[in-house]
Amino acid sequence: MQVTATGSGSGNYELNKTLGKDDFLKLLVTQLRYQDPMQPVDDKEFIAQLAQFSSLEQIQNLNSTMEQFITINLIEGQLSRAAALVGQEVQVYDPRRDASIEGKVEAVRMFDGVCKLVIDGEMHDLHQLEEIRGVKK
């Protein structure tokens, strides 16, 4: 659940809070603490709330696992594409020179989570690749 509040005037404030499993558990405990002893929470309702809590936790765990899986697959895909370029003549755009340069891919490195092609001793981002010319003979 996403809660957003904004204000105006002299008391400007902004709140952007996502309710998570800890908040859900706090609400459940508070509900149990302050329930009317003459009308306790129905067993079925309590079990349903616990099931919702368990489902929320499992969904969050699944989301975290999927994010890790996607990140790993993206990195592996970049490395596979870049590794296939080792020994190839390529053309890459160099933003520092504001020009394209040509050279042989000598190696591949990961730097700050980005796959880099090493050309003439300099690193260039894989996404700056403009053309693959093939193996230089």
N, C-alpha and C. Protein backbone atom coordinates (compact mmCIF):
# COMPACT_ATOMS: atom_id res chain seq x y z
N MET A 1 0.84 -1.17 0.00
CA MET A 1 0.00 0.00 0.00
C MET A 1 0.88 1.23 0.00
N GLN A 2 0.60 2.18 -0.82
CA GLN A 2 1.37 3.41 -0.97
C GLN A 2 0.59 4.55 -0.35
N VAL A 3 1.21 5.28 0.58
CA VAL A 3 0.57 6.43 1.20
C VAL A 3 1.37 7.67 0.83
N THR A 4 0.71 8.67 0.27
CA THR A 4 1.40 9.90 -0.13
C THR A 4 0.62 11.08 0.41
N ALA A 5 1.35 12.03 1.00
CA ALA A 5 0.72 13.25 1.51
C ALA A 5 1.57 14.43 1.11
N THR A 6 0.93 15.49 0.68
CA THR A 6 1.64 16.73 0.36
C THR A 6 0.90 17.88 1.00
N GLY A 7 1.61 18.94 1.31
CA GLY A 7 0.98 20.10 1.94
C GLY A 7 1.45 21.37 1.26
N SER A 8 0.78 22.47 1.59
CA SER A 8 1.18 23.75 1.04
C SER A 8 1.07 24.80 2.13
N GLY A 9 1.53 25.98 1.85
CA GLY A 9 1.51 27.05 2.83
C GLY A 9 2.80 27.06 3.62
N SER A 10 2.75 27.65 4.81
CA SER A 10 3.97 27.79 5.60
C SER A 10 4.45 26.47 6.17
N GLY A 11 3.58 25.48 6.31
CA GLY A 11 3.96 24.19 6.87
C GLY A 11 4.10 23.13 5.80
N ASN A 12 4.96 23.37 4.80
CA ASN A 12 5.15 22.40 3.72
C ASN A 12 5.68 21.08 4.27
N TYR A 13 5.12 19.99 3.80
CA TYR A 13 5.63 18.69 4.16
C TYR A 13 5.31 17.72 3.05
N GLU A 14 6.09 16.65 3.00
CA GLU A 14 5.82 15.60 2.02
C GLU A 14 6.13 14.27 2.67
N LEU A 15 5.23 13.32 2.55
CA LEU A 15 5.38 12.00 3.13
C LEU A 15 5.11 10.98 2.03
N ASN A 16 6.01 10.07 1.87
CA ASN A 16 5.85 9.00 0.89
C ASN A 16 6.28 7.72 1.59
N LYS A 17 5.34 6.93 2.09
CA LYS A 17 5.64 5.76 2.89
C LYS A 17 4.94 4.55 2.30
N THR A 18 5.67 3.48 2.14
CA THR A 18 5.10 2.23 1.68
C THR A 18 4.92 1.32 2.89
N LEU A 19 3.70 0.82 3.08
CA LEU A 19 3.45 -0.09 4.18
C LEU A 19 3.97 -1.47 3.82
N GLY A 20 4.72 -2.06 4.74
CA GLY A 20 5.30 -3.38 4.50
C GLY A 20 4.84 -4.37 5.54
N LYS A 21 5.54 -5.50 5.59
CA LYS A 21 5.13 -6.57 6.50
C LYS A 21 5.28 -6.17 7.96
N ASP A 22 6.28 -5.35 8.29
CA ASP A 22 6.44 -4.91 9.68
C ASP A 22 5.26 -4.06 10.11
N ASP A 23 4.82 -3.16 9.23
CA ASP A 23 3.66 -2.32 9.54
C ASP A 23 2.40 -3.17 9.71
N PHE A 24 2.24 -4.17 8.83
CA PHE A 24 1.08 -5.05 8.90
C PHE A 24 1.07 -5.79 10.24
N LEU A 25 2.24 -6.29 10.66
CA LEU A 25 2.34 -7.03 11.92
C LEU A 25 2.04 -6.10 13.10
N LYS A 26 2.52 -4.86 13.07
CA LYS A 26 2.24 -3.91 14.14
C LYS A 26 0.74 -3.63 14.25
N LEU A 27 0.09 -3.47 13.11
CA LEU A 27 -1.37 -3.25 13.11
C LEU A 27 -2.09 -4.46 13.71
N LEU A 28 -1.66 -5.66 13.36
CA LEU A 28 -2.29 -6.88 13.87
C LEU A 28 -2.11 -6.99 15.38
N VAL A 29 -0.90 -6.72 15.87
CA VAL A 29 -0.63 -6.80 17.31
C VAL A 29 -1.42 -5.73 18.05
N THR A 30 -1.49 -4.53 17.49
CA THR A 30 -2.27 -3.45 18.12
C THR A 30 -3.74 -3.81 18.19
N GLN A 31 -4.25 -4.41 17.12
CA GLN A 31 -5.65 -4.84 17.10
C GLN A 31 -5.92 -5.86 18.20
N LEU A 32 -5.00 -6.81 18.37
CA LEU A 32 -5.17 -7.84 19.40
C LEU A 32 -5.06 -7.24 20.80
N ARG A 33 -4.16 -6.28 20.97
CA ARG A 33 -3.94 -5.66 22.27
C ARG A 33 -5.18 -4.90 22.73
N TYR A 34 -5.83 -4.22 21.82
CA TYR A 34 -6.95 -3.36 22.19
C TYR A 34 -8.33 -3.94 21.85
N GLN A 35 -8.39 -5.23 21.63
CA GLN A 35 -9.69 -5.82 21.32
C GLN A 35 -10.59 -5.83 22.57
N ASP A 36 -11.85 -5.83 22.32
CA ASP A 36 -12.84 -5.86 23.40
C ASP A 36 -12.90 -7.28 23.95
N PRO A 37 -12.61 -7.47 25.26
CA PRO A 37 -12.64 -8.82 25.83
C PRO A 37 -14.03 -9.48 25.74
N MET A 38 -15.04 -8.67 25.66
CA MET A 38 -16.39 -9.21 25.56
C MET A 38 -16.72 -9.64 24.12
N GLN A 39 -15.97 -9.12 23.18
CA GLN A 39 -16.16 -9.49 21.77
C GLN A 39 -14.79 -9.73 21.13
N PRO A 40 -14.14 -10.83 21.48
CA PRO A 40 -12.80 -11.08 20.94
C PRO A 40 -12.83 -11.28 19.42
N VAL A 41 -11.66 -11.17 18.83
CA VAL A 41 -11.53 -11.36 17.38
C VAL A 41 -11.96 -12.78 17.04
N ASP A 42 -12.74 -12.90 16.02
CA ASP A 42 -13.20 -14.20 15.54
C ASP A 42 -11.99 -15.02 15.06
N ASP A 43 -11.97 -16.31 15.39
CA ASP A 43 -10.85 -17.19 15.00
C ASP A 43 -10.62 -17.16 13.49
N LYS A 44 -11.72 -17.21 12.73
CA LYS A 44 -11.60 -17.23 11.27
C LYS A 44 -10.98 -15.93 10.76
N GLU A 45 -11.39 -14.81 11.38
CA GLU A 45 -10.85 -13.52 10.96
C GLU A 45 -9.35 -13.44 11.30
N PHE A 46 -8.99 -13.93 12.48
CA PHE A 46 -7.60 -13.91 12.91
C PHE A 46 -6.73 -14.77 11.98
N ILE A 47 -7.22 -15.96 11.66
CA ILE A 47 -6.49 -16.85 10.76
C ILE A 47 -6.35 -16.23 9.37
N ALA A 48 -7.40 -15.57 8.92
CA ALA A 48 -7.34 -14.89 7.62
C ALA A 48 -6.29 -13.78 7.62
N GLN A 49 -6.21 -13.03 8.72
CA GLN A 49 -5.21 -11.97 8.81
C GLN A 49 -3.79 -12.54 8.84
N LEU A 50 -3.60 -13.65 9.55
CA LEU A 50 -2.29 -14.30 9.57
C LEU A 50 -1.93 -14.82 8.17
N ALA A 51 -2.90 -15.34 7.46
CA ALA A 51 -2.65 -15.83 6.11
C ALA A 51 -2.28 -14.67 5.19
N GLN A 52 -2.94 -13.52 5.36
CA GLN A 52 -2.59 -12.34 4.57
C GLN A 52 -1.17 -11.90 4.87
N PHE A 53 -0.81 -11.94 6.14
CA PHE A 53 0.55 -11.56 6.54
C PHE A 53 1.57 -12.50 5.91
N SER A 54 1.29 -13.79 5.97
CA SER A 54 2.19 -14.78 5.38
C SER A 54 2.30 -14.58 3.87
N SER A 55 1.18 -14.33 3.21
CA SER A 55 1.18 -14.09 1.76
C SER A 55 1.98 -12.85 1.41
N LEU A 56 1.82 -11.79 2.18
CA LEU A 56 2.57 -10.56 1.96
C LEU A 56 4.07 -10.81 2.06
N GLU A 57 4.47 -11.55 3.07
CA GLU A 57 5.89 -11.85 3.25
C GLU A 57 6.44 -12.68 2.10
N GLN A 58 5.69 -13.67 1.65
CA GLN A 58 6.12 -14.52 0.54
C GLN A 58 6.21 -13.72 -0.76
N ILE A 59 5.28 -12.82 -0.99
CA ILE A 59 5.31 -11.99 -2.20
C ILE A 59 6.53 -11.08 -2.18
N GLN A 60 6.83 -10.50 -1.02
CA GLN A 60 8.02 -9.65 -0.92
C GLN A 60 9.30 -10.46 -1.16
N ASN A 61 9.36 -11.67 -0.61
CA ASN A 61 10.52 -12.53 -0.83
C ASN A 61 10.66 -12.90 -2.31
N LEU A 62 9.55 -13.22 -2.94
CA LEU A 62 9.55 -13.57 -4.36
C LEU A 62 10.01 -12.38 -5.20
N ASN A 63 9.53 -11.19 -4.87
CA ASN A 63 9.91 -9.98 -5.58
C ASN A 63 11.42 -9.74 -5.47
N SER A 64 11.96 -9.90 -4.29
CA SER A 64 13.40 -9.72 -4.07
C SER A 64 14.20 -10.74 -4.88
N THR A 65 13.75 -11.99 -4.86
CA THR A 65 14.44 -13.04 -5.61
C THR A 65 14.40 -12.77 -7.11
N MET A 66 13.26 -12.33 -7.61
CA MET A 66 13.13 -12.02 -9.04
C MET A 66 14.03 -10.86 -9.44
N GLU A 67 14.13 -9.84 -8.60
CA GLU A 67 15.01 -8.71 -8.89
C GLU A 67 16.45 -9.18 -9.00
N GLN A 68 16.89 -10.04 -8.07
CA GLN A 68 18.24 -10.59 -8.12
C GLN A 68 18.45 -11.42 -9.38
N PHE A 69 17.47 -12.24 -9.73
CA PHE A 69 17.55 -13.09 -10.91
C PHE A 69 17.68 -12.26 -12.18
N ILE A 70 16.88 -11.21 -12.28
CA ILE A 70 16.92 -10.34 -13.45
C ILE A 70 18.28 -9.64 -13.56
N THR A 71 18.78 -9.14 -12.44
CA THR A 71 20.08 -8.47 -12.43
C THR A 71 21.19 -9.41 -12.88
N ILE A 72 21.19 -10.61 -12.36
CA ILE A 72 22.22 -11.60 -12.73
C ILE A 72 22.11 -11.94 -14.21
N ASN A 73 20.90 -12.13 -14.72
CA ASN A 73 20.72 -12.45 -16.14
C ASN A 73 21.18 -11.32 -17.04
N LEU A 74 20.90 -10.07 -16.64
CA LEU A 74 21.35 -8.93 -17.44
C LEU A 74 22.88 -8.87 -17.50
N ILE A 75 23.52 -9.08 -16.35
CA ILE A 75 24.98 -9.05 -16.31
C ILE A 75 25.57 -10.19 -17.14
N GLU A 76 25.01 -11.38 -16.99
CA GLU A 76 25.50 -12.52 -17.77
C GLU A 76 25.31 -12.30 -19.27
N GLY A 77 24.18 -11.70 -19.65
CA GLY A 77 23.93 -11.40 -21.07
C GLY A 77 24.94 -10.41 -21.61
N GLN A 78 25.22 -9.37 -20.83
CA GLN A 78 26.22 -8.38 -21.24
C GLN A 78 27.58 -9.04 -21.40
N LEU A 79 27.96 -9.85 -20.42
CA LEU A 79 29.27 -10.51 -20.48
C LEU A 79 29.37 -11.45 -21.67
N SER A 80 28.31 -12.18 -21.96
CA SER A 80 28.32 -13.10 -23.10
C SER A 80 28.49 -12.35 -24.42
N ARG A 81 27.73 -11.25 -24.57
CA ARG A 81 27.85 -10.46 -25.80
C ARG A 81 29.24 -9.85 -25.92
N ALA A 82 29.74 -9.32 -24.82
CA ALA A 82 31.04 -8.68 -24.85
C ALA A 82 32.17 -9.69 -25.09
N ALA A 83 32.09 -10.86 -24.46
CA ALA A 83 33.13 -11.89 -24.61
C ALA A 83 33.25 -12.34 -26.06
N ALA A 84 32.12 -12.36 -26.77
CA ALA A 84 32.14 -12.75 -28.18
C ALA A 84 32.88 -11.73 -29.04
N LEU A 85 33.08 -10.52 -28.51
CA LEU A 85 33.75 -9.47 -29.27
C LEU A 85 35.27 -9.45 -29.10
N VAL A 86 35.79 -10.21 -28.14
CA VAL A 86 37.24 -10.23 -27.92
C VAL A 86 37.93 -10.71 -29.19
N GLY A 87 38.91 -9.91 -29.65
CA GLY A 87 39.63 -10.22 -30.89
C GLY A 87 39.01 -9.61 -32.13
N GLN A 88 37.82 -9.03 -31.99
CA GLN A 88 37.12 -8.44 -33.12
C GLN A 88 37.49 -6.96 -33.30
N GLU A 89 37.48 -6.53 -34.54
CA GLU A 89 37.64 -5.11 -34.84
C GLU A 89 36.27 -4.46 -34.71
N VAL A 90 36.19 -3.39 -33.93
CA VAL A 90 34.92 -2.73 -33.68
C VAL A 90 35.06 -1.22 -33.81
N GLN A 91 33.90 -0.58 -33.84
CA GLN A 91 33.85 0.88 -33.79
C GLN A 91 32.93 1.25 -32.63
N VAL A 92 33.44 2.12 -31.74
CA VAL A 92 32.64 2.57 -30.60
C VAL A 92 32.62 4.09 -30.57
N TYR A 93 31.57 4.62 -29.98
CA TYR A 93 31.48 6.07 -29.81
C TYR A 93 32.18 6.43 -28.50
N ASP A 94 33.09 7.41 -28.55
CA ASP A 94 33.80 7.88 -27.37
C ASP A 94 33.28 9.27 -27.01
N PRO A 95 32.46 9.39 -25.97
CA PRO A 95 31.87 10.69 -25.62
C PRO A 95 32.92 11.71 -25.18
N ARG A 96 34.06 11.24 -24.64
CA ARG A 96 35.10 12.19 -24.23
C ARG A 96 35.69 12.91 -25.43
N ARG A 97 35.78 12.21 -26.54
CA ARG A 97 36.33 12.80 -27.77
C ARG A 97 35.22 13.30 -28.70
N ASP A 98 33.99 12.95 -28.37
CA ASP A 98 32.83 13.24 -29.22
C ASP A 98 33.08 12.75 -30.65
N ALA A 99 33.60 11.52 -30.71
CA ALA A 99 33.92 10.91 -32.01
C ALA A 99 33.91 9.39 -31.88
N SER A 100 33.81 8.75 -33.02
CA SER A 100 33.91 7.30 -33.05
C SER A 100 35.36 6.90 -33.18
N ILE A 101 35.71 5.79 -32.52
CA ILE A 101 37.07 5.27 -32.65
C ILE A 101 36.97 3.81 -33.08
N GLU A 102 38.03 3.35 -33.72
CA GLU A 102 38.08 1.97 -34.17
C GLU A 102 39.23 1.28 -33.48
N GLY A 103 39.08 -0.02 -33.26
CA GLY A 103 40.16 -0.78 -32.66
C GLY A 103 39.73 -2.21 -32.40
N LYS A 104 40.70 -2.97 -31.94
CA LYS A 104 40.49 -4.38 -31.64
C LYS A 104 40.13 -4.51 -30.16
N VAL A 105 39.09 -5.29 -29.88
CA VAL A 105 38.71 -5.55 -28.48
C VAL A 105 39.75 -6.49 -27.88
N GLU A 106 40.47 -5.97 -26.89
CA GLU A 106 41.55 -6.73 -26.25
C GLU A 106 41.06 -7.56 -25.08
N ALA A 107 40.07 -7.03 -24.36
CA ALA A 107 39.57 -7.70 -23.16
C ALA A 107 38.19 -7.14 -22.82
N VAL A 108 37.57 -7.77 -21.85
CA VAL A 108 36.27 -7.33 -21.33
C VAL A 108 36.41 -7.22 -19.82
N ARG A 109 35.89 -6.13 -19.26
CA ARG A 109 35.94 -5.93 -17.81
C ARG A 109 34.58 -5.46 -17.31
N MET A 110 34.27 -5.84 -16.09
CA MET A 110 33.09 -5.30 -15.41
C MET A 110 33.57 -4.19 -14.50
N PHE A 111 32.96 -3.02 -14.62
CA PHE A 111 33.35 -1.87 -13.82
C PHE A 111 32.09 -1.16 -13.38
N ASP A 112 31.85 -1.10 -12.07
CA ASP A 112 30.64 -0.48 -11.52
C ASP A 112 29.37 -1.08 -12.11
N GLY A 113 29.37 -2.39 -12.33
CA GLY A 113 28.19 -3.07 -12.83
C GLY A 113 27.93 -2.88 -14.31
N VAL A 114 28.89 -2.25 -15.01
CA VAL A 114 28.74 -2.01 -16.45
C VAL A 114 29.84 -2.78 -17.17
N CYS A 115 29.46 -3.45 -18.24
CA CYS A 115 30.40 -4.21 -19.04
C CYS A 115 31.19 -3.25 -19.93
N LYS A 116 32.52 -3.35 -19.85
CA LYS A 116 33.40 -2.45 -20.61
C LYS A 116 34.24 -3.26 -21.60
N LEU A 117 34.42 -2.69 -22.79
CA LEU A 117 35.31 -3.25 -23.80
C LEU A 117 36.64 -2.52 -23.68
N VAL A 118 37.74 -3.27 -23.65
CA VAL A 118 39.06 -2.65 -23.60
C VAL A 118 39.58 -2.59 -25.03
N ILE A 119 39.77 -1.36 -25.52
CA ILE A 119 40.26 -1.12 -26.88
C ILE A 119 41.45 -0.17 -26.78
N ASP A 120 42.60 -0.60 -27.27
CA ASP A 120 43.83 0.20 -27.18
C ASP A 120 44.08 0.67 -25.75
N GLY A 121 43.83 -0.22 -24.78
CA GLY A 121 44.10 0.08 -23.38
C GLY A 121 43.06 0.95 -22.70
N GLU A 122 42.04 1.40 -23.42
CA GLU A 122 41.00 2.25 -22.84
C GLU A 122 39.69 1.48 -22.74
N MET A 123 38.94 1.76 -21.67
CA MET A 123 37.65 1.09 -21.48
C MET A 123 36.52 1.91 -22.11
N HIS A 124 35.62 1.20 -22.80
CA HIS A 124 34.45 1.81 -23.43
C HIS A 124 33.23 0.97 -23.06
N ASP A 125 32.11 1.65 -22.75
CA ASP A 125 30.89 0.92 -22.40
C ASP A 125 30.41 0.09 -23.58
N LEU A 126 29.89 -1.10 -23.28
CA LEU A 126 29.36 -1.98 -24.32
C LEU A 126 28.26 -1.28 -25.11
N HIS A 127 27.44 -0.48 -24.45
CA HIS A 127 26.34 0.17 -25.15
C HIS A 127 26.81 1.27 -26.11
N GLN A 128 28.11 1.60 -26.11
CA GLN A 128 28.65 2.58 -27.05
C GLN A 128 29.10 1.93 -28.37
N LEU A 129 28.93 0.63 -28.45
CA LEU A 129 29.31 -0.11 -29.65
C LEU A 129 28.45 0.35 -30.83
N GLU A 130 29.13 0.72 -31.93
CA GLU A 130 28.42 1.17 -33.12
C GLU A 130 28.48 0.15 -34.26
N GLU A 131 29.62 -0.54 -34.35
CA GLU A 131 29.80 -1.45 -35.48
C GLU A 131 30.81 -2.54 -35.13
N ILE A 132 30.54 -3.74 -35.65
CA ILE A 132 31.48 -4.85 -35.50
C ILE A 132 32.04 -5.12 -36.88
N ARG A 133 33.33 -5.04 -37.02
CA ARG A 133 33.94 -5.19 -38.33
C ARG A 133 34.47 -6.59 -38.58
N GLY A 134 34.62 -7.38 -37.55
CA GLY A 134 35.12 -8.73 -37.72
C GLY A 134 36.55 -8.88 -37.23
N VAL A 135 37.14 -10.04 -37.51
CA VAL A 135 38.50 -10.32 -37.06
C VAL A 135 39.48 -9.70 -38.02
N LYS A 136 40.44 -8.95 -37.48
CA LYS A 136 41.47 -8.33 -38.31
C LYS A 136 42.55 -9.36 -38.60
N LYS A 137 42.89 -9.50 -39.88
CA LYS A 137 43.89 -10.49 -40.28
C LYS A 137 45.23 -9.87 -40.48
